[in-house]
N, C-alpha and C. Protein backbone atom coordinates (compact mmCIF):
# COMPACT_ATOMS: atom_id res chain seq x y z
N MET A 1 54.49 -48.71 16.40
CA MET A 1 54.10 -48.18 17.99
C MET A 1 52.60 -49.31 18.25
N SER A 2 52.96 -49.70 19.51
CA SER A 2 51.78 -50.48 19.80
C SER A 2 50.44 -49.67 20.01
N ASP A 3 49.49 -50.24 20.40
CA ASP A 3 48.25 -49.50 20.52
C ASP A 3 48.55 -49.00 21.85
N GLU A 4 49.18 -49.52 22.94
CA GLU A 4 49.24 -49.09 24.31
C GLU A 4 49.70 -48.26 24.47
N GLU A 5 51.26 -47.74 23.46
CA GLU A 5 52.23 -46.73 23.58
C GLU A 5 51.20 -45.66 22.82
N ALA A 6 50.32 -46.00 21.83
CA ALA A 6 49.86 -44.53 21.34
C ALA A 6 48.90 -44.19 22.32
N LYS A 7 47.82 -44.91 22.88
CA LYS A 7 47.20 -44.55 23.82
C LYS A 7 47.97 -43.80 24.94
N LEU A 8 48.87 -44.32 25.26
CA LEU A 8 49.56 -43.25 26.12
C LEU A 8 50.11 -41.90 25.89
N ILE A 9 50.89 -41.89 24.81
CA ILE A 9 51.15 -40.73 23.82
C ILE A 9 49.68 -39.82 23.90
N ASN A 10 48.75 -40.03 23.32
CA ASN A 10 47.38 -39.25 22.93
C ASN A 10 46.71 -38.97 24.72
N ASP A 11 47.02 -39.71 25.59
CA ASP A 11 46.57 -39.11 26.83
C ASP A 11 47.14 -38.37 27.08
N LEU A 12 48.85 -38.30 27.22
CA LEU A 12 49.56 -37.31 27.83
C LEU A 12 49.52 -36.12 26.73
N ILE A 13 49.46 -35.84 25.79
CA ILE A 13 48.98 -35.06 24.96
C ILE A 13 47.88 -34.25 25.39
N ALA A 14 46.82 -35.02 25.41
CA ALA A 14 45.37 -34.40 25.54
C ALA A 14 45.78 -33.21 27.38
N LEU A 15 46.32 -34.31 28.15
CA LEU A 15 46.71 -33.61 29.22
C LEU A 15 47.64 -32.48 29.37
N SER A 16 48.48 -32.58 28.24
CA SER A 16 49.26 -31.03 28.39
C SER A 16 48.58 -29.99 27.69
N GLY A 17 47.77 -30.19 27.24
CA GLY A 17 47.01 -29.04 26.43
C GLY A 17 47.48 -28.47 25.11
N LEU A 18 48.42 -28.93 24.58
CA LEU A 18 48.99 -28.56 23.58
C LEU A 18 48.21 -29.91 22.47
N THR A 19 49.05 -29.07 21.23
CA THR A 19 48.33 -29.77 19.89
C THR A 19 49.30 -31.02 19.72
N LYS A 20 49.18 -31.61 19.21
CA LYS A 20 49.96 -33.02 18.90
C LYS A 20 51.41 -32.94 18.51
N GLN A 21 51.28 -32.18 17.34
CA GLN A 21 52.67 -31.28 16.80
C GLN A 21 53.31 -30.86 17.67
N GLU A 22 52.68 -29.69 18.47
CA GLU A 22 53.79 -29.02 19.19
C GLU A 22 54.05 -29.74 20.31
N TYR A 23 53.01 -30.63 20.93
CA TYR A 23 54.00 -31.69 22.01
C TYR A 23 55.38 -32.44 21.57
N ILE A 24 54.71 -33.16 20.56
CA ILE A 24 55.75 -33.92 19.97
C ILE A 24 57.19 -33.31 19.27
N THR A 25 56.80 -32.01 18.79
CA THR A 25 57.97 -31.02 18.79
C THR A 25 58.91 -30.63 19.72
N ARG A 26 57.92 -30.57 21.08
CA ARG A 26 58.58 -30.04 22.10
C ARG A 26 59.29 -31.21 22.94
N ARG A 27 58.91 -32.50 22.49
CA ARG A 27 59.54 -33.31 23.61
C ARG A 27 60.51 -34.19 22.44
N LEU A 28 60.45 -33.91 20.90
CA LEU A 28 61.73 -33.90 20.31
C LEU A 28 62.94 -33.58 20.42
N GLN A 29 62.48 -32.16 20.85
CA GLN A 29 63.80 -31.15 21.21
C GLN A 29 64.10 -31.10 22.66
N CYS A 30 63.62 -31.70 23.38
CA CYS A 30 63.57 -32.01 24.64
C CYS A 30 63.62 -30.75 25.93
N ARG A 31 62.61 -29.86 25.12
CA ARG A 31 62.29 -28.85 25.95
C ARG A 31 61.04 -29.21 26.92
N ASP A 32 61.10 -28.41 27.91
CA ASP A 32 59.48 -28.45 28.79
C ASP A 32 58.28 -28.54 28.28
N VAL A 33 57.16 -29.48 29.03
CA VAL A 33 55.88 -29.36 28.29
C VAL A 33 55.28 -28.58 29.32
N VAL A 34 55.11 -27.27 29.12
CA VAL A 34 54.25 -26.41 30.27
C VAL A 34 53.01 -26.54 30.04
N VAL A 35 52.22 -27.18 31.23
CA VAL A 35 50.65 -27.31 30.93
C VAL A 35 50.11 -25.78 31.44
N GLN A 36 49.27 -25.35 30.48
CA GLN A 36 48.38 -23.87 30.51
C GLN A 36 46.72 -24.81 30.94
N GLY A 37 46.41 -23.99 32.21
CA GLY A 37 45.34 -24.45 32.36
C GLY A 37 44.14 -23.77 31.95
N ASN A 38 43.31 -24.72 31.01
CA ASN A 38 42.11 -24.40 30.32
C ASN A 38 41.03 -25.53 30.03
N PRO A 39 40.18 -25.19 29.91
CA PRO A 39 38.73 -25.79 29.93
C PRO A 39 39.36 -27.61 29.14
N LYS A 40 39.83 -27.20 28.25
CA LYS A 40 40.41 -28.36 27.53
C LYS A 40 41.05 -29.38 28.23
N VAL A 41 42.44 -29.00 29.01
CA VAL A 41 43.07 -29.67 30.09
C VAL A 41 42.58 -30.60 31.10
N TYR A 42 41.72 -29.36 31.79
CA TYR A 42 40.63 -29.80 32.90
C TYR A 42 39.58 -31.17 32.49
N LYS A 43 39.22 -30.86 31.42
CA LYS A 43 38.15 -31.99 30.83
C LYS A 43 38.98 -33.59 30.68
N ALA A 44 40.62 -33.06 30.12
CA ALA A 44 41.42 -34.54 29.69
C ALA A 44 41.49 -35.04 31.13
N LEU A 45 41.89 -33.88 32.30
CA LEU A 45 42.15 -34.64 33.64
C LEU A 45 41.03 -35.25 34.49
N LYS A 46 39.91 -34.73 34.11
CA LYS A 46 38.79 -35.41 35.01
C LYS A 46 38.17 -36.66 33.84
N ASN A 47 38.47 -36.64 32.74
CA ASN A 47 38.46 -38.13 31.93
C ASN A 47 39.40 -38.89 32.45
N GLN A 48 40.24 -39.13 32.61
CA GLN A 48 41.87 -39.65 32.88
C GLN A 48 41.50 -40.09 34.30
N MET A 49 41.14 -39.06 35.28
CA MET A 49 40.78 -39.58 36.54
C MET A 49 39.92 -40.50 37.01
N GLU A 50 38.77 -40.28 35.85
CA GLU A 50 37.75 -41.35 35.82
C GLU A 50 38.40 -42.37 35.47
N ALA A 51 38.94 -43.04 34.37
CA ALA A 51 39.20 -43.95 33.78
C ALA A 51 40.00 -44.89 34.90
N ILE A 52 40.99 -43.88 35.32
CA ILE A 52 41.83 -44.62 36.74
C ILE A 52 40.52 -45.11 37.62
N TYR A 53 40.12 -44.08 38.07
CA TYR A 53 39.08 -44.84 39.17
C TYR A 53 38.35 -46.11 38.72
N GLU A 54 37.91 -46.08 37.69
CA GLU A 54 37.44 -47.25 37.44
C GLU A 54 38.26 -48.48 37.35
N GLU A 55 39.53 -47.97 36.49
CA GLU A 55 40.55 -49.29 36.88
C GLU A 55 41.16 -49.81 38.23
N LEU A 56 41.07 -48.62 39.00
CA LEU A 56 41.90 -49.18 40.55
C LEU A 56 40.71 -49.84 41.13
N LYS A 57 39.40 -49.78 40.91
CA LYS A 57 38.07 -50.46 41.45
C LYS A 57 38.40 -51.77 40.79
N ARG A 58 39.04 -51.92 39.89
CA ARG A 58 39.10 -53.48 39.23
C ARG A 58 40.47 -53.88 39.32
N LEU A 59 41.30 -53.49 40.14
CA LEU A 59 42.40 -54.07 40.36
C LEU A 59 42.37 -54.73 41.80
N GLU A 60 43.10 -55.67 42.07
CA GLU A 60 43.04 -56.38 43.49
C GLU A 60 44.11 -55.92 44.12
N THR A 61 45.53 -56.27 43.11
CA THR A 61 46.78 -56.34 43.85
C THR A 61 47.48 -55.63 42.69
N TYR A 62 48.79 -54.79 43.08
CA TYR A 62 49.48 -54.20 42.06
C TYR A 62 50.29 -55.51 41.29
N SER A 63 50.25 -55.15 39.90
CA SER A 63 51.43 -56.15 39.38
C SER A 63 52.44 -55.25 38.30
N ALA A 64 53.02 -56.02 37.46
CA ALA A 64 53.67 -55.09 36.38
C ALA A 64 53.10 -54.79 35.58
N ASP A 65 51.89 -55.05 35.36
CA ASP A 65 51.22 -54.79 34.05
C ASP A 65 50.47 -53.77 34.46
N ASN A 66 50.63 -52.87 35.83
CA ASN A 66 49.79 -51.56 36.30
C ASN A 66 50.86 -50.24 36.03
N ASP A 67 51.98 -50.98 35.39
CA ASP A 67 53.00 -49.57 35.17
C ASP A 67 52.81 -48.72 34.34
N GLU A 68 51.77 -48.75 33.28
CA GLU A 68 51.09 -47.74 32.39
C GLU A 68 50.51 -46.77 33.29
N LEU A 69 49.53 -47.49 33.91
CA LEU A 69 48.67 -46.81 34.91
C LEU A 69 49.17 -45.96 36.32
N LEU A 70 50.22 -46.41 36.68
CA LEU A 70 50.90 -45.54 37.89
C LEU A 70 51.48 -44.53 37.08
N TYR A 71 52.34 -44.61 36.00
CA TYR A 71 52.92 -43.65 35.43
C TYR A 71 51.92 -42.28 34.79
N THR A 72 50.93 -42.91 34.46
CA THR A 72 49.73 -41.86 34.03
C THR A 72 49.45 -40.86 35.19
N ILE A 73 48.81 -41.85 36.38
CA ILE A 73 48.92 -41.25 37.75
C ILE A 73 50.15 -40.32 38.02
N GLN A 74 51.43 -40.74 37.84
CA GLN A 74 51.91 -39.82 38.05
C GLN A 74 52.26 -38.18 37.05
N VAL A 75 51.77 -38.34 36.16
CA VAL A 75 51.68 -37.16 34.92
C VAL A 75 50.46 -36.38 35.59
N ILE A 76 49.71 -36.85 36.01
CA ILE A 76 48.29 -36.08 36.52
C ILE A 76 48.66 -35.54 37.55
N ALA A 77 49.31 -36.09 38.58
CA ALA A 77 49.35 -35.66 40.05
C ALA A 77 50.50 -34.13 39.79
N ILE A 78 51.16 -34.47 39.05
CA ILE A 78 52.49 -33.11 38.34
C ILE A 78 51.61 -32.13 37.62
N THR A 79 51.09 -32.45 36.87
CA THR A 79 50.10 -31.55 36.29
C THR A 79 49.02 -30.95 37.13
N LEU A 80 48.63 -31.69 37.94
CA LEU A 80 47.59 -30.65 39.26
C LEU A 80 48.45 -30.13 39.74
N ASP A 81 49.72 -30.59 40.42
CA ASP A 81 50.41 -29.83 41.36
C ASP A 81 50.60 -28.30 40.40
N GLY A 82 51.33 -28.49 39.26
CA GLY A 82 51.48 -27.42 38.40
C GLY A 82 50.02 -26.46 38.29
N LEU A 83 49.07 -26.75 38.47
CA LEU A 83 47.57 -25.93 37.90
C LEU A 83 47.69 -25.07 39.15
N LYS A 84 47.78 -26.12 40.29
CA LYS A 84 47.45 -25.81 41.64
C LYS A 84 48.44 -24.50 41.96
N GLY A 85 49.45 -24.43 41.61
CA GLY A 85 50.42 -23.17 41.80
C GLY A 85 49.82 -22.10 40.84
N GLU A 86 49.71 -22.40 39.86
CA GLU A 86 48.92 -21.26 39.01
C GLU A 86 47.80 -20.40 39.99
N ASN A 87 47.09 -20.75 40.55
CA ASN A 87 46.09 -19.98 41.02
C ASN A 87 46.49 -19.57 42.17
N GLU A 88 47.65 -19.80 42.77
CA GLU A 88 48.73 -18.83 44.29
C GLU A 88 49.07 -17.90 43.60
């Protein structure tokens, strides 16, 4: 596994609020990863958004190299949408 792949997996695990073992087990079983909002998830979302903001400031135009960043943005958007639904 490349460093980039490992970072992406670790970021997804942090955003899920699950342990690494539970996240990998669910993914291997093709089960949904349902994010439960808690301080750990909110902190991971905040950290990811800060990193994305800094990266977006650095980027001038879109390129194929930005696919990982766009995927992370999509995961965060889905997570935030699910958390928003929790409060309703």
